[in-house]
Amino acid sequence: MRLAASVAAMVATAAALTPAAPAQAAAPTVKISRIWYDSPGSPDSGANSNLNGEYVQIKNAGRSAVNLSGWTVRDKTSRADHVYTFGTFTLGAGKAVTLRTGKGRDTSTTLYWGRSGGTYAYIWNQSTDTGYLRNARGQLVHSCSYNSARADYKNC
């Protein structure tokens, strides 16, 4: 009986000292789900309707709402005007929000970057770019890259 108790104690000690297997990195619950980088119309016009044809969509695949206040979306360039910062905004569980490049009235499903005026108002390059989603602490939550002029959009 003592031998069985000693063996059980040694097994328990060994199990406690054995490092656990590393946890798999969980997929982000909030992520870029699509970048529509080739808006309809003339890219040279910079018309608001053309700018709003270009967008990035953010989806919350989680079971809880997420406060996106202070989160940012940006493209690969280092230009400060290519950064969108979410104001007070909560993305519901299982919901998506579309962030359009041009101007418009924000709703619970569509936000507007507020850009206007000519070719340089566009955010997303026509053939290759990367979108980055960062939380309010500046940590990268998700990114999505495309490298093709053969499509108008990229599902991420």
N, C-alpha and C. Protein backbone atom coordinates (compact mmCIF):
# COMPACT_ATOMS: atom_id res chain seq x y z
N MET A 1 0.82 -1.17 0.00
CA MET A 1 0.00 0.00 0.00
C MET A 1 0.88 1.25 0.00
N ARG A 2 1.97 1.21 0.86
CA ARG A 2 2.87 2.35 0.89
C ARG A 2 3.56 2.54 -0.46
N LEU A 3 3.89 1.45 -1.11
CA LEU A 3 4.56 1.52 -2.40
C LEU A 3 3.64 2.17 -3.42
N ALA A 4 2.38 1.80 -3.43
CA ALA A 4 1.42 2.39 -4.36
C ALA A 4 1.27 3.88 -4.10
N ALA A 5 1.23 4.28 -2.83
CA ALA A 5 1.09 5.69 -2.48
C ALA A 5 2.34 6.47 -2.91
N SER A 6 3.53 5.86 -2.73
CA SER A 6 4.78 6.51 -3.13
C SER A 6 4.84 6.68 -4.64
N VAL A 7 4.44 5.65 -5.38
CA VAL A 7 4.44 5.72 -6.85
C VAL A 7 3.45 6.79 -7.30
N ALA A 8 2.28 6.83 -6.70
CA ALA A 8 1.27 7.83 -7.06
C ALA A 8 1.79 9.23 -6.79
N ALA A 9 2.50 9.43 -5.68
CA ALA A 9 3.05 10.75 -5.33
C ALA A 9 4.12 11.15 -6.34
N MET A 10 4.97 10.20 -6.76
CA MET A 10 6.01 10.51 -7.73
C MET A 10 5.40 10.86 -9.09
N VAL A 11 4.37 10.14 -9.50
CA VAL A 11 3.70 10.42 -10.78
C VAL A 11 3.08 11.81 -10.74
N ALA A 12 2.43 12.14 -9.61
CA ALA A 12 1.81 13.46 -9.47
C ALA A 12 2.86 14.57 -9.52
N THR A 13 4.00 14.36 -8.87
CA THR A 13 5.08 15.34 -8.87
C THR A 13 5.64 15.52 -10.27
N ALA A 14 5.86 14.41 -10.97
CA ALA A 14 6.40 14.48 -12.33
C ALA A 14 5.43 15.20 -13.25
N ALA A 15 4.13 14.95 -13.10
CA ALA A 15 3.14 15.61 -13.93
C ALA A 15 3.13 17.11 -13.66
N ALA A 16 3.29 17.50 -12.42
CA ALA A 16 3.28 18.92 -12.06
C ALA A 16 4.51 19.63 -12.61
N LEU A 17 5.63 18.93 -12.71
CA LEU A 17 6.86 19.54 -13.19
C LEU A 17 6.99 19.51 -14.70
N THR A 18 6.18 18.72 -15.38
CA THR A 18 6.23 18.63 -16.84
C THR A 18 5.60 19.87 -17.44
N PRO A 19 6.33 20.59 -18.27
CA PRO A 19 5.75 21.80 -18.84
C PRO A 19 4.58 21.46 -19.75
N ALA A 20 3.58 22.32 -19.70
CA ALA A 20 2.40 22.13 -20.55
C ALA A 20 2.77 22.40 -21.99
N ALA A 21 2.07 21.79 -22.90
CA ALA A 21 2.28 22.04 -24.31
C ALA A 21 1.93 23.49 -24.60
N PRO A 22 2.68 24.16 -25.45
CA PRO A 22 2.38 25.56 -25.75
C PRO A 22 1.00 25.69 -26.38
N ALA A 23 0.30 26.71 -25.96
CA ALA A 23 -1.05 26.94 -26.50
C ALA A 23 -0.94 27.44 -27.93
N GLN A 24 -1.84 26.99 -28.76
CA GLN A 24 -1.91 27.49 -30.12
C GLN A 24 -2.38 28.93 -30.07
N ALA A 25 -1.82 29.77 -30.91
CA ALA A 25 -2.28 31.15 -30.97
C ALA A 25 -3.71 31.15 -31.50
N ALA A 26 -4.59 31.75 -30.74
CA ALA A 26 -5.99 31.79 -31.13
C ALA A 26 -6.16 32.77 -32.29
N ALA A 27 -7.03 32.40 -33.21
CA ALA A 27 -7.35 33.30 -34.31
C ALA A 27 -8.04 34.53 -33.73
N PRO A 28 -7.76 35.70 -34.28
CA PRO A 28 -8.40 36.90 -33.74
C PRO A 28 -9.91 36.83 -33.94
N THR A 29 -10.64 37.31 -32.95
CA THR A 29 -12.09 37.34 -33.12
C THR A 29 -12.50 38.55 -33.95
N VAL A 30 -11.71 39.62 -33.90
CA VAL A 30 -11.97 40.79 -34.74
C VAL A 30 -10.87 40.83 -35.79
N LYS A 31 -11.26 40.89 -37.06
CA LYS A 31 -10.26 40.84 -38.12
C LYS A 31 -10.75 41.57 -39.36
N ILE A 32 -9.82 41.87 -40.23
CA ILE A 32 -10.15 42.41 -41.54
C ILE A 32 -10.75 41.25 -42.33
N SER A 33 -11.95 41.42 -42.84
CA SER A 33 -12.56 40.33 -43.60
C SER A 33 -12.50 40.56 -45.11
N ARG A 34 -12.39 41.84 -45.52
CA ARG A 34 -12.31 42.13 -46.96
C ARG A 34 -11.73 43.51 -47.17
N ILE A 35 -10.92 43.63 -48.24
CA ILE A 35 -10.47 44.93 -48.72
C ILE A 35 -10.91 45.04 -50.17
N TRP A 36 -11.75 46.04 -50.47
CA TRP A 36 -12.18 46.30 -51.85
C TRP A 36 -11.32 47.47 -52.32
N TYR A 37 -10.30 47.16 -53.12
CA TYR A 37 -9.29 48.15 -53.46
C TYR A 37 -9.45 48.75 -54.85
N ASP A 38 -10.33 48.23 -55.67
CA ASP A 38 -10.51 48.77 -57.02
C ASP A 38 -11.94 49.26 -57.15
N SER A 39 -12.16 50.50 -56.75
CA SER A 39 -13.52 51.04 -56.79
C SER A 39 -13.96 51.28 -58.22
N PRO A 40 -15.26 51.22 -58.46
CA PRO A 40 -15.77 51.48 -59.81
C PRO A 40 -15.57 52.94 -60.20
N GLY A 41 -15.54 53.22 -61.48
CA GLY A 41 -15.40 54.59 -61.96
C GLY A 41 -13.96 54.94 -62.23
N SER A 42 -13.75 56.16 -62.61
CA SER A 42 -12.42 56.64 -62.95
C SER A 42 -11.60 56.86 -61.68
N PRO A 43 -10.46 56.20 -61.57
CA PRO A 43 -9.64 56.40 -60.38
C PRO A 43 -9.04 57.81 -60.32
N ASP A 44 -9.03 58.51 -61.44
CA ASP A 44 -8.45 59.85 -61.46
C ASP A 44 -9.41 60.91 -60.96
N SER A 45 -10.70 60.59 -60.91
CA SER A 45 -11.67 61.63 -60.56
C SER A 45 -11.64 61.98 -59.08
N GLY A 46 -11.45 61.01 -58.22
CA GLY A 46 -11.49 61.27 -56.79
C GLY A 46 -12.88 61.65 -56.32
N ALA A 47 -13.91 61.37 -57.13
CA ALA A 47 -15.29 61.68 -56.75
C ALA A 47 -15.66 60.88 -55.51
N ASN A 48 -16.51 61.45 -54.66
CA ASN A 48 -16.89 60.79 -53.42
C ASN A 48 -17.47 59.40 -53.66
N SER A 49 -18.29 59.25 -54.73
CA SER A 49 -18.87 57.93 -55.00
C SER A 49 -17.78 56.92 -55.34
N ASN A 50 -16.73 57.36 -56.03
CA ASN A 50 -15.63 56.45 -56.34
C ASN A 50 -14.82 56.13 -55.08
N LEU A 51 -14.59 57.14 -54.26
CA LEU A 51 -13.85 56.91 -53.01
C LEU A 51 -14.61 55.94 -52.11
N ASN A 52 -15.93 56.05 -52.07
CA ASN A 52 -16.72 55.17 -51.21
C ASN A 52 -16.88 53.77 -51.79
N GLY A 53 -16.49 53.59 -53.07
CA GLY A 53 -16.46 52.26 -53.65
C GLY A 53 -15.25 51.46 -53.18
N GLU A 54 -14.34 52.14 -52.53
CA GLU A 54 -13.15 51.53 -51.95
C GLU A 54 -13.39 51.41 -50.44
N TYR A 55 -13.18 50.21 -49.89
CA TYR A 55 -13.45 50.05 -48.47
C TYR A 55 -12.71 48.88 -47.86
N VAL A 56 -12.69 48.86 -46.54
CA VAL A 56 -12.19 47.72 -45.78
C VAL A 56 -13.32 47.31 -44.84
N GLN A 57 -13.50 46.02 -44.69
CA GLN A 57 -14.56 45.50 -43.82
C GLN A 57 -13.92 44.79 -42.62
N ILE A 58 -14.43 45.11 -41.44
CA ILE A 58 -13.94 44.53 -40.19
C ILE A 58 -15.06 43.68 -39.61
N LYS A 59 -14.74 42.45 -39.23
CA LYS A 59 -15.75 41.53 -38.71
C LYS A 59 -15.38 41.05 -37.31
N ASN A 60 -16.39 40.95 -36.47
CA ASN A 60 -16.23 40.38 -35.13
C ASN A 60 -16.84 38.98 -35.16
N ALA A 61 -16.01 37.96 -35.19
CA ALA A 61 -16.48 36.57 -35.22
C ALA A 61 -16.69 36.02 -33.81
N GLY A 62 -16.47 36.84 -32.81
CA GLY A 62 -16.60 36.39 -31.43
C GLY A 62 -18.03 36.39 -30.94
N ARG A 63 -18.20 35.95 -29.70
CA ARG A 63 -19.52 35.86 -29.08
C ARG A 63 -19.83 37.06 -28.19
N SER A 64 -18.91 38.01 -28.13
CA SER A 64 -19.11 39.21 -27.31
C SER A 64 -18.82 40.44 -28.15
N ALA A 65 -19.49 41.52 -27.83
CA ALA A 65 -19.22 42.80 -28.49
C ALA A 65 -17.80 43.24 -28.13
N VAL A 66 -17.17 44.00 -29.04
CA VAL A 66 -15.81 44.49 -28.82
C VAL A 66 -15.81 46.01 -28.99
N ASN A 67 -15.25 46.70 -28.03
CA ASN A 67 -15.12 48.15 -28.09
C ASN A 67 -13.92 48.47 -28.97
N LEU A 68 -14.17 49.08 -30.13
CA LEU A 68 -13.10 49.42 -31.07
C LEU A 68 -12.59 50.84 -30.88
N SER A 69 -13.06 51.54 -29.89
CA SER A 69 -12.63 52.92 -29.66
C SER A 69 -11.11 52.99 -29.54
N GLY A 70 -10.48 53.83 -30.35
CA GLY A 70 -9.03 53.97 -30.34
C GLY A 70 -8.29 52.97 -31.22
N TRP A 71 -8.98 51.98 -31.77
CA TRP A 71 -8.35 51.03 -32.70
C TRP A 71 -8.04 51.77 -34.00
N THR A 72 -7.08 51.26 -34.77
CA THR A 72 -6.72 51.89 -36.04
C THR A 72 -6.72 50.90 -37.19
N VAL A 73 -6.97 51.45 -38.37
CA VAL A 73 -6.82 50.74 -39.64
C VAL A 73 -5.87 51.59 -40.47
N ARG A 74 -4.92 50.94 -41.14
CA ARG A 74 -4.00 51.67 -42.01
C ARG A 74 -3.56 50.76 -43.14
N ASP A 75 -2.97 51.37 -44.14
CA ASP A 75 -2.39 50.58 -45.22
C ASP A 75 -0.88 50.51 -45.01
N LYS A 76 -0.18 50.00 -45.99
CA LYS A 76 1.25 49.74 -45.84
C LYS A 76 2.10 51.01 -45.82
N THR A 77 1.59 52.10 -46.38
CA THR A 77 2.41 53.32 -46.42
C THR A 77 2.65 53.84 -45.01
N SER A 78 3.60 54.71 -44.89
CA SER A 78 3.88 55.30 -43.58
C SER A 78 3.26 56.68 -43.45
N ARG A 79 2.38 57.03 -44.39
CA ARG A 79 1.76 58.35 -44.36
C ARG A 79 0.75 58.44 -43.22
N ALA A 80 0.86 59.49 -42.44
CA ALA A 80 -0.03 59.68 -41.29
C ALA A 80 -1.48 59.82 -41.72
N ASP A 81 -1.73 60.35 -42.92
CA ASP A 81 -3.11 60.52 -43.36
C ASP A 81 -3.71 59.22 -43.90
N HIS A 82 -2.97 58.15 -43.85
CA HIS A 82 -3.50 56.84 -44.24
C HIS A 82 -3.82 55.99 -43.01
N VAL A 83 -4.12 56.64 -41.90
CA VAL A 83 -4.50 55.96 -40.66
C VAL A 83 -5.90 56.41 -40.28
N TYR A 84 -6.79 55.45 -40.07
CA TYR A 84 -8.13 55.74 -39.57
C TYR A 84 -8.17 55.30 -38.11
N THR A 85 -8.63 56.16 -37.23
CA THR A 85 -8.78 55.83 -35.82
C THR A 85 -10.25 55.80 -35.47
N PHE A 86 -10.70 54.68 -34.94
CA PHE A 86 -12.09 54.55 -34.54
C PHE A 86 -12.38 55.49 -33.37
N GLY A 87 -13.48 56.22 -33.48
CA GLY A 87 -13.99 56.99 -32.35
C GLY A 87 -14.74 56.03 -31.44
N THR A 88 -15.69 56.53 -30.72
CA THR A 88 -16.51 55.67 -29.87
C THR A 88 -17.30 54.73 -30.75
N PHE A 89 -16.97 53.45 -30.70
CA PHE A 89 -17.64 52.47 -31.57
C PHE A 89 -17.51 51.08 -30.98
N THR A 90 -18.63 50.38 -30.89
CA THR A 90 -18.66 49.00 -30.42
C THR A 90 -19.16 48.12 -31.55
N LEU A 91 -18.42 47.06 -31.85
CA LEU A 91 -18.79 46.11 -32.90
C LEU A 91 -19.43 44.91 -32.23
N GLY A 92 -20.70 44.70 -32.51
CA GLY A 92 -21.44 43.62 -31.90
C GLY A 92 -20.92 42.24 -32.27
N ALA A 93 -21.27 41.26 -31.46
CA ALA A 93 -20.88 39.87 -31.71
C ALA A 93 -21.46 39.42 -33.04
N GLY A 94 -20.62 38.83 -33.89
CA GLY A 94 -21.06 38.32 -35.18
C GLY A 94 -21.36 39.39 -36.21
N LYS A 95 -21.03 40.63 -35.92
CA LYS A 95 -21.34 41.76 -36.81
C LYS A 95 -20.11 42.21 -37.57
N ALA A 96 -20.35 42.99 -38.62
CA ALA A 96 -19.28 43.57 -39.42
C ALA A 96 -19.55 45.06 -39.60
N VAL A 97 -18.48 45.81 -39.80
CA VAL A 97 -18.60 47.23 -40.12
C VAL A 97 -17.76 47.48 -41.37
N THR A 98 -18.30 48.29 -42.28
CA THR A 98 -17.61 48.66 -43.50
C THR A 98 -17.06 50.06 -43.33
N LEU A 99 -15.75 50.21 -43.54
CA LEU A 99 -15.09 51.51 -43.45
C LEU A 99 -14.80 51.98 -44.87
N ARG A 100 -15.60 52.95 -45.34
CA ARG A 100 -15.46 53.49 -46.70
C ARG A 100 -14.47 54.65 -46.70
N THR A 101 -13.75 54.83 -47.80
CA THR A 101 -12.68 55.82 -47.88
C THR A 101 -13.20 57.26 -47.91
N GLY A 102 -14.31 57.51 -48.59
CA GLY A 102 -14.81 58.87 -48.77
C GLY A 102 -15.57 59.41 -47.57
N LYS A 103 -16.49 60.33 -47.89
CA LYS A 103 -17.28 60.99 -46.86
C LYS A 103 -18.70 60.44 -46.84
N GLY A 104 -19.33 60.53 -45.68
CA GLY A 104 -20.71 60.09 -45.52
C GLY A 104 -21.12 60.19 -44.07
N ARG A 105 -22.30 59.72 -43.78
CA ARG A 105 -22.83 59.75 -42.41
C ARG A 105 -22.61 58.38 -41.77
N ASP A 106 -21.87 58.35 -40.68
CA ASP A 106 -21.58 57.10 -39.98
C ASP A 106 -22.86 56.46 -39.44
N THR A 107 -22.91 55.13 -39.53
CA THR A 107 -24.01 54.36 -38.96
C THR A 107 -23.40 53.21 -38.16
N SER A 108 -24.23 52.31 -37.66
CA SER A 108 -23.73 51.16 -36.91
C SER A 108 -23.08 50.11 -37.82
N THR A 109 -23.30 50.21 -39.14
CA THR A 109 -22.74 49.23 -40.07
C THR A 109 -21.77 49.82 -41.08
N THR A 110 -21.74 51.16 -41.20
CA THR A 110 -20.86 51.81 -42.17
C THR A 110 -20.24 53.05 -41.55
N LEU A 111 -18.91 53.12 -41.64
CA LEU A 111 -18.16 54.29 -41.18
C LEU A 111 -17.44 54.89 -42.38
N TYR A 112 -17.05 56.16 -42.26
CA TYR A 112 -16.40 56.87 -43.36
C TYR A 112 -15.08 57.46 -42.91
N TRP A 113 -14.05 57.22 -43.71
CA TRP A 113 -12.70 57.72 -43.44
C TRP A 113 -12.69 59.25 -43.55
N GLY A 114 -13.50 59.78 -44.49
CA GLY A 114 -13.63 61.23 -44.62
C GLY A 114 -12.68 61.86 -45.61
N ARG A 115 -12.12 61.07 -46.51
CA ARG A 115 -11.15 61.59 -47.46
C ARG A 115 -11.85 62.17 -48.68
N SER A 116 -11.22 63.15 -49.30
CA SER A 116 -11.79 63.76 -50.50
C SER A 116 -10.68 64.36 -51.34
N GLY A 117 -11.00 64.58 -52.61
CA GLY A 117 -10.12 65.34 -53.48
C GLY A 117 -9.08 64.60 -54.26
N GLY A 118 -9.43 64.17 -55.43
CA GLY A 118 -8.45 63.68 -56.40
C GLY A 118 -7.87 62.31 -56.15
N THR A 119 -6.92 61.98 -56.99
CA THR A 119 -6.29 60.67 -57.00
C THR A 119 -5.64 60.32 -55.67
N TYR A 120 -5.08 61.29 -54.97
CA TYR A 120 -4.34 61.01 -53.75
C TYR A 120 -5.24 60.79 -52.54
N ALA A 121 -6.54 60.88 -52.74
CA ALA A 121 -7.47 60.64 -51.64
C ALA A 121 -7.67 59.14 -51.38
N TYR A 122 -7.36 58.32 -52.38
CA TYR A 122 -7.54 56.88 -52.22
C TYR A 122 -6.54 56.33 -51.21
N ILE A 123 -6.95 55.27 -50.52
CA ILE A 123 -6.08 54.62 -49.53
C ILE A 123 -5.42 53.38 -50.12
N TRP A 124 -6.21 52.52 -50.72
CA TRP A 124 -5.74 51.19 -51.13
C TRP A 124 -5.16 51.21 -52.53
N ASN A 125 -3.92 50.76 -52.67
CA ASN A 125 -3.26 50.68 -53.98
C ASN A 125 -3.98 49.67 -54.86
N GLN A 126 -3.87 49.87 -56.16
CA GLN A 126 -4.61 49.05 -57.11
C GLN A 126 -4.05 47.64 -57.30
N SER A 127 -2.79 47.40 -57.05
CA SER A 127 -2.26 46.07 -57.32
C SER A 127 -1.67 45.37 -56.11
N THR A 128 -1.13 46.10 -55.16
CA THR A 128 -0.54 45.46 -53.99
C THR A 128 -0.57 46.41 -52.79
N ASP A 129 -0.96 45.87 -51.67
CA ASP A 129 -1.02 46.67 -50.44
C ASP A 129 -1.28 45.72 -49.28
N THR A 130 -1.22 46.25 -48.07
CA THR A 130 -1.53 45.49 -46.86
C THR A 130 -2.35 46.37 -45.95
N GLY A 131 -3.40 45.80 -45.39
CA GLY A 131 -4.19 46.49 -44.39
C GLY A 131 -3.81 45.98 -43.01
N TYR A 132 -3.71 46.88 -42.04
CA TYR A 132 -3.35 46.53 -40.68
C TYR A 132 -4.44 47.00 -39.73
N LEU A 133 -4.84 46.14 -38.82
CA LEU A 133 -5.79 46.47 -37.78
C LEU A 133 -5.07 46.36 -36.44
N ARG A 134 -5.05 47.47 -35.69
CA ARG A 134 -4.37 47.49 -34.40
C ARG A 134 -5.35 47.90 -33.31
N ASN A 135 -5.17 47.34 -32.13
CA ASN A 135 -6.04 47.70 -31.02
C ASN A 135 -5.62 49.05 -30.43
N ALA A 136 -6.34 49.50 -29.41
CA ALA A 136 -6.08 50.82 -28.84
C ALA A 136 -4.69 50.93 -28.20
N ARG A 137 -4.06 49.80 -27.87
CA ARG A 137 -2.70 49.82 -27.32
C ARG A 137 -1.64 49.77 -28.43
N GLY A 138 -2.08 49.75 -29.68
CA GLY A 138 -1.16 49.73 -30.81
C GLY A 138 -0.68 48.35 -31.20
N GLN A 139 -1.23 47.31 -30.59
CA GLN A 139 -0.81 45.94 -30.91
C GLN A 139 -1.52 45.47 -32.18
N LEU A 140 -0.77 44.82 -33.05
CA LEU A 140 -1.34 44.28 -34.28
C LEU A 140 -2.33 43.18 -33.94
N VAL A 141 -3.55 43.33 -34.41
CA VAL A 141 -4.60 42.34 -34.19
C VAL A 141 -4.73 41.45 -35.42
N HIS A 142 -4.66 42.06 -36.60
CA HIS A 142 -4.80 41.30 -37.84
C HIS A 142 -4.25 42.12 -39.00
N SER A 143 -3.80 41.43 -40.03
CA SER A 143 -3.38 42.10 -41.26
C SER A 143 -3.85 41.28 -42.45
N CYS A 144 -3.96 41.94 -43.58
CA CYS A 144 -4.40 41.27 -44.81
C CYS A 144 -3.66 41.92 -45.97
N SER A 145 -3.01 41.10 -46.79
CA SER A 145 -2.25 41.59 -47.93
C SER A 145 -2.84 41.07 -49.23
N TYR A 146 -2.67 41.85 -50.28
CA TYR A 146 -3.05 41.39 -51.62
C TYR A 146 -1.94 41.80 -52.57
N ASN A 147 -1.82 41.05 -53.64
CA ASN A 147 -0.79 41.30 -54.63
C ASN A 147 -1.30 40.83 -55.99
N SER A 148 -2.35 41.49 -56.44
CA SER A 148 -2.93 41.08 -57.71
C SER A 148 -3.80 42.18 -58.27
N ALA A 149 -3.64 42.45 -59.53
CA ALA A 149 -4.51 43.40 -60.21
C ALA A 149 -5.61 42.66 -60.96
N ARG A 150 -5.72 41.33 -60.70
CA ARG A 150 -6.70 40.53 -61.42
C ARG A 150 -8.07 40.53 -60.76
N ALA A 151 -8.19 41.10 -59.61
CA ALA A 151 -9.47 41.13 -58.91
C ALA A 151 -9.71 42.55 -58.40
N ASP A 152 -10.90 42.80 -57.93
CA ASP A 152 -11.23 44.11 -57.38
C ASP A 152 -11.12 44.15 -55.88
N TYR A 153 -11.08 42.96 -55.27
CA TYR A 153 -11.10 42.88 -53.81
C TYR A 153 -10.32 41.67 -53.33
N LYS A 154 -10.08 41.64 -52.03
CA LYS A 154 -9.40 40.51 -51.39
C LYS A 154 -10.22 40.11 -50.17
N ASN A 155 -10.66 38.85 -50.13
CA ASN A 155 -11.26 38.31 -48.92
C ASN A 155 -10.13 37.83 -48.04
N CYS A 156 -10.16 38.22 -46.80
CA CYS A 156 -9.05 37.90 -45.90
C CYS A 156 -9.39 36.75 -44.98
